[in-house]
């Protein structure tokens, strides 16, 4: 038997079953969790992601980045695109291919 509140909603749905909050769901952020806000606008506002900072700059500062805006350093790599192939992998692949060709010949 499902218990219903006065507004007709099931009480069990309010307890965190499903996607947000509860044990099996995703972790919800609290307002006080500002420790991971690495993207800071020059006006003093901080954000969790670059897209959020970018949107703020577009809407509040007419697309002009204020002086003092900072974001985490990424070593010049964006992490996007096709990953680089290790040179050692290429050399070993060529060596194995040559050995296979040499020993697979039937005269």
PDB file of N, CA and C in Angstrom:
ATOM      1  N   UNK A   1       0.843  -1.181   0.000  1.00  0.00           N
ATOM      2  CA  UNK A   1       0.000   0.000   0.000  1.00  0.00           C
ATOM      3  C   UNK A   1       0.888   1.244   0.000  1.00  0.00           C
ATOM      4  N   UNK A   2       0.710   2.113  -0.974  1.00  0.00           N
ATOM      5  CA  UNK A   2       1.491   3.343  -1.061  1.00  0.00           C
ATOM      6  C   UNK A   2       0.829   4.422  -0.220  1.00  0.00           C
ATOM      7  N   UNK A   3       1.665   5.139   0.517  1.00  0.00           N
ATOM      8  CA  UNK A   3       1.116   6.254   1.285  1.00  0.00           C
ATOM      9  C   UNK A   3       1.182   7.499   0.414  1.00  0.00           C
ATOM     10  N   UNK A   4       0.090   8.245   0.424  1.00  0.00           N
ATOM     11  CA  UNK A   4       0.036   9.457  -0.386  1.00  0.00           C
ATOM     12  C   UNK A   4      -0.124  10.661   0.527  1.00  0.00           C
ATOM     13  N   UNK A   5       0.522  11.732   0.117  1.00  0.00           N
ATOM     14  CA  UNK A   5       0.376  12.959   0.893  1.00  0.00           C
ATOM     15  C   UNK A   5      -0.848  13.708   0.397  1.00  0.00           C
ATOM     16  N   UNK A   6      -1.101  14.857   0.980  1.00  0.00           N
ATOM     17  CA  UNK A   6      -2.293  15.636   0.638  1.00  0.00           C
ATOM     18  C   UNK A   6      -2.301  16.094  -0.821  1.00  0.00           C
ATOM     19  N   UNK A   7      -1.104  16.265  -1.412  1.00  0.00           N
ATOM     20  CA  UNK A   7      -1.076  16.762  -2.784  1.00  0.00           C
ATOM     21  C   UNK A   7      -1.148  15.647  -3.825  1.00  0.00           C
ATOM     22  N   UNK A   8      -1.313  14.393  -3.395  1.00  0.00           N
ATOM     23  CA  UNK A   8      -1.460  13.279  -4.311  1.00  0.00           C
ATOM     24  C   UNK A   8      -0.144  12.640  -4.726  1.00  0.00           C
ATOM     25  N   UNK A   9       0.973  13.146  -4.230  1.00  0.00           N
ATOM     26  CA  UNK A   9       2.283  12.599  -4.582  1.00  0.00           C
ATOM     27  C   UNK A   9       2.583  11.394  -3.699  1.00  0.00           C
ATOM     28  N   UNK A  10       3.256  10.397  -4.254  1.00  0.00           N
ATOM     29  CA  UNK A  10       3.688   9.266  -3.451  1.00  0.00           C
ATOM     30  C   UNK A  10       4.823   9.701  -2.546  1.00  0.00           C
ATOM     31  N   UNK A  11       4.735   9.357  -1.262  1.00  0.00           N
ATOM     32  CA  UNK A  11       5.788   9.707  -0.317  1.00  0.00           C
ATOM     33  C   UNK A  11       7.078   8.962  -0.624  1.00  0.00           C
ATOM     34  N   UNK A  12       6.986   7.753  -1.184  1.00  0.00           N
ATOM     35  CA  UNK A  12       8.194   6.993  -1.450  1.00  0.00           C
ATOM     36  C   UNK A  12       9.055   7.673  -2.510  1.00  0.00           C
ATOM     37  N   UNK A  13       8.463   8.434  -3.416  1.00  0.00           N
ATOM     38  CA  UNK A  13       9.241   9.123  -4.434  1.00  0.00           C
ATOM     39  C   UNK A  13      10.017  10.301  -3.863  1.00  0.00           C
ATOM     40  N   UNK A  14       9.642  10.775  -2.729  1.00  0.00           N
ATOM     41  CA  UNK A  14      10.311  11.910  -2.111  1.00  0.00           C
ATOM     42  C   UNK A  14      11.492  11.474  -1.255  1.00  0.00           C
ATOM     43  N   UNK A  15      11.660  10.172  -1.063  1.00  0.00           N
ATOM     44  CA  UNK A  15      12.696   9.684  -0.161  1.00  0.00           C
ATOM     45  C   UNK A  15      14.031   9.453  -0.839  1.00  0.00           C
ATOM     46  N   UNK A  16      14.197   9.780  -2.093  1.00  0.00           N
ATOM     47  CA  UNK A  16      15.490   9.664  -2.743  1.00  0.00           C
ATOM     48  C   UNK A  16      15.650   8.433  -3.605  1.00  0.00           C
ATOM     49  N   UNK A  17      14.578   7.717  -3.904  1.00  0.00           N
ATOM     50  CA  UNK A  17      14.697   6.592  -4.814  1.00  0.00           C
ATOM     51  C   UNK A  17      14.916   7.134  -6.209  1.00  0.00           C
ATOM     52  N   UNK A  18      15.703   6.419  -6.979  1.00  0.00           N
ATOM     53  CA  UNK A  18      15.906   6.840  -8.352  1.00  0.00           C
ATOM     54  C   UNK A  18      17.183   7.618  -8.523  1.00  0.00           C
ATOM     55  N   UNK A  19      17.129   8.698  -9.288  1.00  0.00           N
ATOM     56  CA  UNK A  19      18.324   9.364  -9.748  1.00  0.00           C
ATOM     57  C   UNK A  19      19.049  10.257  -8.775  1.00  0.00           C
ATOM     58  N   UNK A  20      18.393  11.006  -7.949  1.00  0.00           N
ATOM     59  CA  UNK A  20      19.096  12.015  -7.179  1.00  0.00           C
ATOM     60  C   UNK A  20      19.053  11.718  -5.694  1.00  0.00           C
ATOM     61  N   UNK A  21      20.175  11.957  -5.077  1.00  0.00           N
ATOM     62  CA  UNK A  21      20.201  11.909  -3.633  1.00  0.00           C
ATOM     63  C   UNK A  21      20.504  10.566  -3.047  1.00  0.00           C
ATOM     64  N   UNK A  22      19.559   9.658  -2.943  1.00  0.00           N
ATOM     65  CA  UNK A  22      19.646   8.412  -2.194  1.00  0.00           C
ATOM     66  C   UNK A  22      20.903   7.612  -2.381  1.00  0.00           C
ATOM     67  N   UNK A  23      20.919   6.427  -1.835  1.00  0.00           N
ATOM     68  CA  UNK A  23      22.108   5.604  -1.840  1.00  0.00           C
ATOM     69  C   UNK A  23      22.539   5.210  -3.245  1.00  0.00           C
ATOM     70  N   UNK A  24      21.623   4.836  -4.121  1.00  0.00           N
ATOM     71  CA  UNK A  24      21.986   4.376  -5.444  1.00  0.00           C
ATOM     72  C   UNK A  24      22.087   5.479  -6.471  1.00  0.00           C
ATOM     73  N   UNK A  25      21.724   6.677  -6.117  1.00  0.00           N
ATOM     74  CA  UNK A  25      21.676   7.760  -7.094  1.00  0.00           C
ATOM     75  C   UNK A  25      22.956   8.554  -7.151  1.00  0.00           C
ATOM     76  N   UNK A  26      22.909   9.646  -7.909  1.00  0.00           N
ATOM     77  CA  UNK A  26      24.076  10.505  -8.026  1.00  0.00           C
ATOM     78  C   UNK A  26      24.200  11.371  -6.786  1.00  0.00           C
ATOM     79  N   UNK A  27      25.419  11.813  -6.513  1.00  0.00           N
ATOM     80  CA  UNK A  27      25.655  12.648  -5.343  1.00  0.00           C
ATOM     81  C   UNK A  27      25.219  14.078  -5.644  1.00  0.00           C
ATOM     82  N   UNK A  28      24.382  14.611  -4.791  1.00  0.00           N
ATOM     83  CA  UNK A  28      23.927  15.982  -4.976  1.00  0.00           C
ATOM     84  C   UNK A  28      24.896  16.928  -4.292  1.00  0.00           C
ATOM     85  N   UNK A  29      25.082  18.082  -4.877  1.00  0.00           N
ATOM     86  CA  UNK A  29      25.974  19.084  -4.299  1.00  0.00           C
ATOM     87  C   UNK A  29      25.196  19.984  -3.357  1.00  0.00           C
ATOM     88  N   UNK A  30      25.872  20.403  -2.315  1.00  0.00           N
ATOM     89  CA  UNK A  30      25.278  21.369  -1.397  1.00  0.00           C
ATOM     90  C   UNK A  30      25.779  22.755  -1.751  1.00  0.00           C
ATOM     91  N   UNK A  31      25.056  23.743  -1.332  1.00  0.00           N
ATOM     92  CA  UNK A  31      25.461  25.117  -1.614  1.00  0.00           C
ATOM     93  C   UNK A  31      26.821  25.448  -1.022  1.00  0.00           C
ATOM     94  N   UNK A  32      27.174  24.840   0.104  1.00  0.00           N
ATOM     95  CA  UNK A  32      28.430  25.149   0.778  1.00  0.00           C
ATOM     96  C   UNK A  32      29.635  24.464   0.166  1.00  0.00           C
ATOM     97  N   UNK A  33      29.433  23.587  -0.843  1.00  0.00           N
ATOM     98  CA  UNK A  33      30.549  22.875  -1.459  1.00  0.00           C
ATOM     99  C   UNK A  33      31.236  23.766  -2.483  1.00  0.00           C
ATOM    100  N   UNK A  34      32.006  24.730  -2.020  1.00  0.00           N
ATOM    101  CA  UNK A  34      32.677  25.647  -2.934  1.00  0.00           C
ATOM    102  C   UNK A  34      34.158  25.319  -3.058  1.00  0.00           C
ATOM    103  N   UNK A  35      34.619  24.235  -2.465  1.00  0.00           N
ATOM    104  CA  UNK A  35      36.028  23.890  -2.490  1.00  0.00           C
ATOM    105  C   UNK A  35      36.539  23.534  -3.865  1.00  0.00           C
ATOM    106  N   UNK A  36      35.683  23.059  -4.758  1.00  0.00           N
ATOM    107  CA  UNK A  36      36.109  22.628  -6.081  1.00  0.00           C
ATOM    108  C   UNK A  36      35.844  23.674  -7.156  1.00  0.00           C
ATOM    109  N   UNK A  37      35.521  24.861  -6.784  1.00  0.00           N
ATOM    110  CA  UNK A  37      35.204  25.907  -7.765  1.00  0.00           C
ATOM    111  C   UNK A  37      36.496  26.557  -8.238  1.00  0.00           C
ATOM    112  N   UNK A  38      37.059  25.990  -9.307  1.00  0.00           N
ATOM    113  CA  UNK A  38      38.357  26.433  -9.796  1.00  0.00           C
ATOM    114  C   UNK A  38      38.271  27.494 -10.879  1.00  0.00           C
ATOM    115  N   UNK A  39      37.098  27.782 -11.375  1.00  0.00           N
ATOM    116  CA  UNK A  39      36.918  28.751 -12.450  1.00  0.00           C
ATOM    117  C   UNK A  39      36.359  30.032 -11.856  1.00  0.00           C
ATOM    118  N   UNK A  40      37.181  31.076 -11.791  1.00  0.00           N
ATOM    119  CA  UNK A  40      36.791  32.309 -11.115  1.00  0.00           C
ATOM    120  C   UNK A  40      36.777  33.472 -12.090  1.00  0.00           C
ATOM    121  N   UNK A  41      35.695  34.214 -12.076  1.00  0.00           N
ATOM    122  CA  UNK A  41      35.568  35.408 -12.908  1.00  0.00           C
ATOM    123  C   UNK A  41      36.265  36.572 -12.209  1.00  0.00           C
ATOM    124  N   UNK A  42      36.666  37.562 -12.980  1.00  0.00           N
ATOM    125  CA  UNK A  42      37.309  38.746 -12.416  1.00  0.00           C
ATOM    126  C   UNK A  42      36.400  39.533 -11.493  1.00  0.00           C
ATOM    127  N   UNK A  43      35.080  39.332 -11.607  1.00  0.00           N
ATOM    128  CA  UNK A  43      34.139  40.060 -10.750  1.00  0.00           C
ATOM    129  C   UNK A  43      33.979  39.381  -9.390  1.00  0.00           C
ATOM    130  N   UNK A  44      34.586  38.188  -9.219  1.00  0.00           N
ATOM    131  CA  UNK A  44      34.535  37.519  -7.926  1.00  0.00           C
ATOM    132  C   UNK A  44      33.690  36.263  -7.888  1.00  0.00           C
ATOM    133  N   UNK A  45      32.869  36.023  -8.877  1.00  0.00           N
ATOM    134  CA  UNK A  45      32.043  34.813  -8.892  1.00  0.00           C
ATOM    135  C   UNK A  45      32.895  33.621  -9.303  1.00  0.00           C
ATOM    136  N   UNK A  46      32.591  32.444  -8.701  1.00  0.00           N
ATOM    137  CA  UNK A  46      33.340  31.240  -9.048  1.00  0.00           C
ATOM    138  C   UNK A  46      32.380  30.151  -9.512  1.00  0.00           C
ATOM    139  N   UNK A  47      32.895  29.269 -10.382  1.00  0.00           N
ATOM    140  CA  UNK A  47      32.068  28.249 -11.014  1.00  0.00           C
ATOM    141  C   UNK A  47      32.767  26.892 -10.988  1.00  0.00           C
ATOM    142  N   UNK A  48      31.980  25.836 -11.142  1.00  0.00           N
ATOM    143  CA  UNK A  48      32.492  24.471 -11.125  1.00  0.00           C
ATOM    144  C   UNK A  48      33.046  24.036 -12.474  1.00  0.00           C
ATOM    145  N   UNK A  49      32.632  24.682 -13.561  1.00  0.00           N
ATOM    146  CA  UNK A  49      33.063  24.251 -14.885  1.00  0.00           C
ATOM    147  C   UNK A  49      33.343  25.465 -15.770  1.00  0.00           C
ATOM    148  N   UNK A  50      34.150  25.217 -16.806  1.00  0.00           N
ATOM    149  CA  UNK A  50      34.448  26.282 -17.753  1.00  0.00           C
ATOM    150  C   UNK A  50      33.205  26.743 -18.515  1.00  0.00           C
ATOM    151  N   UNK A  51      32.331  25.816 -18.968  1.00  0.00           N
ATOM    152  CA  UNK A  51      31.130  26.301 -19.663  1.00  0.00           C
ATOM    153  C   UNK A  51      30.269  27.244 -18.824  1.00  0.00           C
ATOM    154  N   UNK A  52      30.207  26.997 -17.518  1.00  0.00           N
ATOM    155  CA  UNK A  52      29.431  27.886 -16.648  1.00  0.00           C
ATOM    156  C   UNK A  52      30.075  29.269 -16.574  1.00  0.00           C
ATOM    157  N   UNK A  53      31.405  29.312 -16.456  1.00  0.00           N
ATOM    158  CA  UNK A  53      32.115  30.590 -16.439  1.00  0.00           C
ATOM    159  C   UNK A  53      31.949  31.311 -17.774  1.00  0.00           C
ATOM    160  N   UNK A  54      32.057  30.570 -18.870  1.00  0.00           N
ATOM    161  CA  UNK A  54      31.918  31.142 -20.206  1.00  0.00           C
ATOM    162  C   UNK A  54      30.534  31.777 -20.397  1.00  0.00           C
ATOM    163  N   UNK A  55      29.498  31.060 -19.961  1.00  0.00           N
ATOM    164  CA  UNK A  55      28.133  31.578 -20.061  1.00  0.00           C
ATOM    165  C   UNK A  55      27.972  32.844 -19.224  1.00  0.00           C
ATOM    166  N   UNK A  56      28.565  32.846 -18.016  1.00  0.00           N
ATOM    167  CA  UNK A  56      28.501  34.022 -17.149  1.00  0.00           C
ATOM    168  C   UNK A  56      29.142  35.229 -17.840  1.00  0.00           C
ATOM    169  N   UNK A  57      30.309  35.010 -18.440  1.00  0.00           N
ATOM    170  CA  UNK A  57      31.016  36.108 -19.103  1.00  0.00           C
ATOM    171  C   UNK A  57      30.215  36.625 -20.292  1.00  0.00           C
ATOM    172  N   UNK A  58      29.611  35.712 -21.055  1.00  0.00           N
ATOM    173  CA  UNK A  58      28.805  36.130 -22.206  1.00  0.00           C
ATOM    174  C   UNK A  58      27.589  36.945 -21.791  1.00  0.00           C
ATOM    175  N   UNK A  59      26.909  36.501 -20.716  1.00  0.00           N
ATOM    176  CA  UNK A  59      25.653  37.155 -20.344  1.00  0.00           C
ATOM    177  C   UNK A  59      25.846  38.386 -19.465  1.00  0.00           C
ATOM    178  N   UNK A  60      26.779  38.334 -18.538  1.00  0.00           N
ATOM    179  CA  UNK A  60      26.932  39.439 -17.587  1.00  0.00           C
ATOM    180  C   UNK A  60      27.965  40.481 -17.993  1.00  0.00           C
ATOM    181  N   UNK A  61      28.947  40.071 -18.817  1.00  0.00           N
ATOM    182  CA  UNK A  61      30.018  40.998 -19.189  1.00  0.00           C
ATOM    183  C   UNK A  61      30.074  41.230 -20.700  1.00  0.00           C
ATOM    184  N   UNK A  62      28.990  40.917 -21.409  1.00  0.00           N
ATOM    185  CA  UNK A  62      28.880  41.133 -22.857  1.00  0.00           C
ATOM    186  C   UNK A  62      30.015  40.475 -23.648  1.00  0.00           C
ATOM    187  N   UNK A  63      30.489  39.325 -23.173  1.00  0.00           N
ATOM    188  CA  UNK A  63      31.506  38.564 -23.887  1.00  0.00           C
ATOM    189  C   UNK A  63      32.930  39.027 -23.660  1.00  0.00           C
ATOM    190  N   UNK A  64      33.140  40.068 -22.864  1.00  0.00           N
ATOM    191  CA  UNK A  64      34.484  40.578 -22.593  1.00  0.00           C
ATOM    192  C   UNK A  64      34.955  39.989 -21.262  1.00  0.00           C
ATOM    193  N   UNK A  65      36.059  39.244 -21.305  1.00  0.00           N
ATOM    194  CA  UNK A  65      36.578  38.610 -20.088  1.00  0.00           C
ATOM    195  C   UNK A  65      37.182  39.662 -19.171  1.00  0.00           C
ATOM    196  N   UNK A  66      36.690  39.784 -17.936  1.00  0.00           N
ATOM    197  CA  UNK A  66      37.233  40.779 -17.007  1.00  0.00           C
ATOM    198  C   UNK A  66      38.658  40.426 -16.579  1.00  0.00           C
ATOM    199  N   UNK A  67      39.399  41.451 -16.237  1.00  0.00           N
ATOM    200  CA  UNK A  67      40.758  41.242 -15.751  1.00  0.00           C
ATOM    201  C   UNK A  67      40.706  40.481 -14.430  1.00  0.00           C
ATOM    202  N   UNK A  68      41.575  39.511 -14.257  1.00  0.00           N
ATOM    203  CA  UNK A  68      41.599  38.721 -13.032  1.00  0.00           C
ATOM    204  C   UNK A  68      40.846  37.411 -13.144  1.00  0.00           C
ATOM    205  N   UNK A  69      40.288  37.098 -14.316  1.00  0.00           N
ATOM    206  CA  UNK A  69      39.592  35.826 -14.516  1.00  0.00           C
ATOM    207  C   UNK A  69      40.625  34.714 -14.554  1.00  0.00           C
ATOM    208  N   UNK A  70      40.372  33.640 -13.790  1.00  0.00           N
ATOM    209  CA  UNK A  70      41.340  32.539 -13.740  1.00  0.00           C
ATOM    210  C   UNK A  70      40.641  31.204 -13.912  1.00  0.00           C
ATOM    211  N   UNK A  71      41.412  30.247 -14.434  1.00  0.00           N
ATOM    212  CA  UNK A  71      40.944  28.879 -14.593  1.00  0.00           C
ATOM    213  C   UNK A  71      42.145  27.953 -14.394  1.00  0.00           C
ATOM    214  N   UNK A  72      41.912  26.699 -14.068  1.00  0.00           N
ATOM    215  CA  UNK A  72      43.031  25.800 -13.788  1.00  0.00           C
ATOM    216  C   UNK A  72      43.917  25.582 -15.003  1.00  0.00           C
ATOM    217  N   UNK A  73      45.195  25.342 -14.745  1.00  0.00           N
ATOM    218  CA  UNK A  73      46.149  25.085 -15.817  1.00  0.00           C
ATOM    219  C   UNK A  73      45.999  23.649 -16.295  1.00  0.00           C
ATOM    220  N   UNK A  74      46.138  23.427 -17.605  1.00  0.00           N
ATOM    221  CA  UNK A  74      45.940  22.088 -18.156  1.00  0.00           C
ATOM    222  C   UNK A  74      47.172  21.559 -18.879  1.00  0.00           C
ATOM    223  N   UNK A  75      48.355  22.110 -18.663  1.00  0.00           N
ATOM    224  CA  UNK A  75      49.596  21.679 -19.310  1.00  0.00           C
ATOM    225  C   UNK A  75      49.525  21.807 -20.825  1.00  0.00           C
ATOM    226  N   UNK A  76      48.698  22.688 -21.342  1.00  0.00           N
ATOM    227  CA  UNK A  76      48.603  22.901 -22.766  1.00  0.00           C
ATOM    228  C   UNK A  76      47.841  21.833 -23.528  1.00  0.00           C
ATOM    229  N   UNK A  77      47.373  20.823 -22.858  1.00  0.00           N
ATOM    230  CA  UNK A  77      46.624  19.761 -23.520  1.00  0.00           C
ATOM    231  C   UNK A  77      45.162  19.870 -23.105  1.00  0.00           C
ATOM    232  N   UNK A  78      44.294  19.791 -24.068  1.00  0.00           N
ATOM    233  CA  UNK A  78      42.876  19.936 -23.761  1.00  0.00           C
ATOM    234  C   UNK A  78      42.224  18.617 -23.405  1.00  0.00           C
ATOM    235  N   UNK A  79      42.865  17.477 -23.751  1.00  0.00           N
ATOM    236  CA  UNK A  79      42.278  16.186 -23.459  1.00  0.00           C
ATOM    237  C   UNK A  79      41.202  15.785 -24.449  1.00  0.00           C
ATOM    238  N   UNK A  80      41.094  16.525 -25.536  1.00  0.00           N
ATOM    239  CA  UNK A  80      40.089  16.215 -26.544  1.00  0.00           C
ATOM    240  C   UNK A  80      40.761  15.657 -27.785  1.00  0.00           C
ATOM    241  N   UNK A  81      39.958  15.026 -28.598  1.00  0.00           N
ATOM    242  CA  UNK A  81      40.466  14.512 -29.861  1.00  0.00           C
ATOM    243  C   UNK A  81      41.022  13.107 -29.732  1.00  0.00           C
ATOM    244  N   UNK A  82      41.641  12.670 -30.811  1.00  0.00           N
ATOM    245  CA  UNK A  82      42.194  11.321 -30.853  1.00  0.00           C
ATOM    246  C   UNK A  82      43.457  11.249 -30.010  1.00  0.00           C
ATOM    247  N   UNK A  83      43.590  10.233 -29.161  1.00  0.00           N
ATOM    248  CA  UNK A  83      44.784  10.131 -28.320  1.00  0.00           C
ATOM    249  C   UNK A  83      46.024   9.840 -29.158  1.00  0.00           C
ATOM    250  N   UNK A  84      47.162  10.312 -28.689  1.00  0.00           N
ATOM    251  CA  UNK A  84      48.424  10.089 -29.374  1.00  0.00           C
ATOM    252  C   UNK A  84      48.836   8.632 -29.205  1.00  0.00           C
ATOM    253  N   UNK A  85      49.467   8.089 -30.239  1.00  0.00           N
ATOM    254  CA  UNK A  85      49.944   6.717 -30.185  1.00  0.00           C
ATOM    255  C   UNK A  85      51.364   6.734 -29.633  1.00  0.00           C
ATOM    256  N   UNK A  86      51.637   5.845 -28.708  1.00  0.00           N
ATOM    257  CA  UNK A  86      52.944   5.731 -28.102  1.00  0.00           C
ATOM    258  C   UNK A  86      53.955   5.279 -29.158  1.00  0.00           C
ATOM    259  N   UNK A  87      55.130   5.935 -29.252  1.00  0.00           N
ATOM    260  CA  UNK A  87      56.140   5.588 -30.253  1.00  0.00           C
ATOM    261  C   UNK A  87      56.662   4.174 -30.044  1.00  0.00           C
ATOM    262  N   UNK A  88      56.769   3.745 -28.788  1.00  0.00           N
ATOM    263  CA  UNK A  88      57.240   2.400 -28.507  1.00  0.00           C
ATOM    264  C   UNK A  88      56.258   1.366 -29.065  1.00  0.00           C
ATOM    265  N   UNK A  89      54.981   1.668 -29.000  1.00  0.00           N
ATOM    266  CA  UNK A  89      53.960   0.776 -29.550  1.00  0.00           C
ATOM    267  C   UNK A  89      54.136   0.637 -31.057  1.00  0.00           C
ATOM    268  N   UNK A  90      54.390   1.749 -31.746  1.00  0.00           N
ATOM    269  CA  UNK A  90      54.563   1.724 -33.194  1.00  0.00           C
ATOM    270  C   UNK A  90      55.786   0.894 -33.572  1.00  0.00           C
ATOM    271  N   UNK A  91      56.881   1.109 -32.864  1.00  0.00           N
ATOM    272  CA  UNK A  91      58.109   0.374 -33.172  1.00  0.00           C
ATOM    273  C   UNK A  91      57.917  -1.127 -32.952  1.00  0.00           C
ATOM    274  N   UNK A  92      57.254  -1.506 -31.875  1.00  0.00           N
ATOM    275  CA  UNK A  92      57.038  -2.933 -31.621  1.00  0.00           C
ATOM    276  C   UNK A  92      56.076  -3.526 -32.650  1.00  0.00           C
ATOM    277  N   UNK A  93      55.113  -2.773 -33.099  1.00  0.00           N
ATOM    278  CA  UNK A  93      54.174  -3.241 -34.123  1.00  0.00           C
ATOM    279  C   UNK A  93      54.914  -3.501 -35.440  1.00  0.00           C
ATOM    280  N   UNK A  94      55.799  -2.575 -35.816  1.00  0.00           N
ATOM    281  CA  UNK A  94      56.572  -2.739 -37.048  1.00  0.00           C
ATOM    282  C   UNK A  94      57.482  -3.951 -36.940  1.00  0.00           C
ATOM    283  N   UNK A  95      58.152  -4.117 -35.821  1.00  0.00           N
ATOM    284  CA  UNK A  95      59.051  -5.247 -35.614  1.00  0.00           C
ATOM    285  C   UNK A  95      58.300  -6.573 -35.717  1.00  0.00           C
ATOM    286  N   UNK A  96      57.155  -6.669 -35.050  1.00  0.00           N
ATOM    287  CA  UNK A  96      56.372  -7.899 -35.086  1.00  0.00           C
ATOM    288  C   UNK A  96      55.860  -8.167 -36.495  1.00  0.00           C
ATOM    289  N   UNK A  97      55.419  -7.133 -37.195  1.00  0.00           N
ATOM    290  CA  UNK A  97      54.930  -7.306 -38.566  1.00  0.00           C
ATOM    291  C   UNK A  97      56.030  -7.828 -39.481  1.00  0.00           C
ATOM    292  N   UNK A  98      57.232  -7.275 -39.347  1.00  0.00           N
ATOM    293  CA  UNK A  98      58.354  -7.727 -40.167  1.00  0.00           C
ATOM    294  C   UNK A  98      58.722  -9.175 -39.856  1.00  0.00           C
ATOM    295  N   UNK A  99      58.724  -9.535 -38.583  1.00  0.00           N
ATOM    296  CA  UNK A  99      59.048 -10.912 -38.199  1.00  0.00           C
ATOM    297  C   UNK A  99      58.003 -11.881 -38.731  1.00  0.00           C
ATOM    298  N   UNK A 100      56.740 -11.492 -38.664  1.00  0.00           N
ATOM    299  CA  UNK A 100      55.681 -12.366 -39.172  1.00  0.00           C
ATOM    300  C   UNK A 100      55.825 -12.577 -40.678  1.00  0.00           C
ATOM    301  N   UNK A 101      56.146 -11.515 -41.402  1.00  0.00           N
ATOM    302  CA  UNK A 101      56.327 -11.636 -42.852  1.00  0.00           C
ATOM    303  C   UNK A 101      57.520 -12.525 -43.185  1.00  0.00           C
ATOM    304  N   UNK A 102      58.595 -12.370 -42.441  1.00  0.00           N
ATOM    305  CA  UNK A 102      59.816 -13.123 -42.711  1.00  0.00           C
ATOM    306  C   UNK A 102      59.609 -14.619 -42.491  1.00  0.00           C
ATOM    307  N   UNK A 103      58.914 -14.986 -41.420  1.00  0.00           N
ATOM    308  CA  UNK A 103      58.755 -16.397 -41.086  1.00  0.00           C
ATOM    309  C   UNK A 103      57.514 -17.045 -41.685  1.00  0.00           C
ATOM    310  N   UNK A 104      56.652 -16.259 -42.276  1.00  0.00           N
ATOM    311  CA  UNK A 104      55.450 -16.843 -42.862  1.00  0.00           C
ATOM    312  C   UNK A 104      55.598 -17.138 -44.345  1.00  0.00           C
ATOM    313  N   UNK A 105      56.746 -16.804 -44.935  1.00  0.00           N
ATOM    314  CA  UNK A 105      56.971 -17.055 -46.347  1.00  0.00           C
ATOM    315  C   UNK A 105      57.119 -18.558 -46.600  1.00  0.00           C
ATOM    316  N   UNK A 106      56.474 -18.991 -47.630  1.00  0.00           N
ATOM    317  CA  UNK A 106      56.577 -20.399 -47.996  1.00  0.00           C
ATOM    318  C   UNK A 106      57.236 -20.454 -49.372  1.00  0.00           C
ATOM    319  N   UNK A 107      58.390 -21.074 -49.420  1.00  0.00           N
ATOM    320  CA  UNK A 107      59.128 -21.170 -50.686  1.00  0.00           C
ATOM    321  C   UNK A 107      58.949 -22.507 -51.346  1.00  0.00           C
TER     322      UNK A 107
END
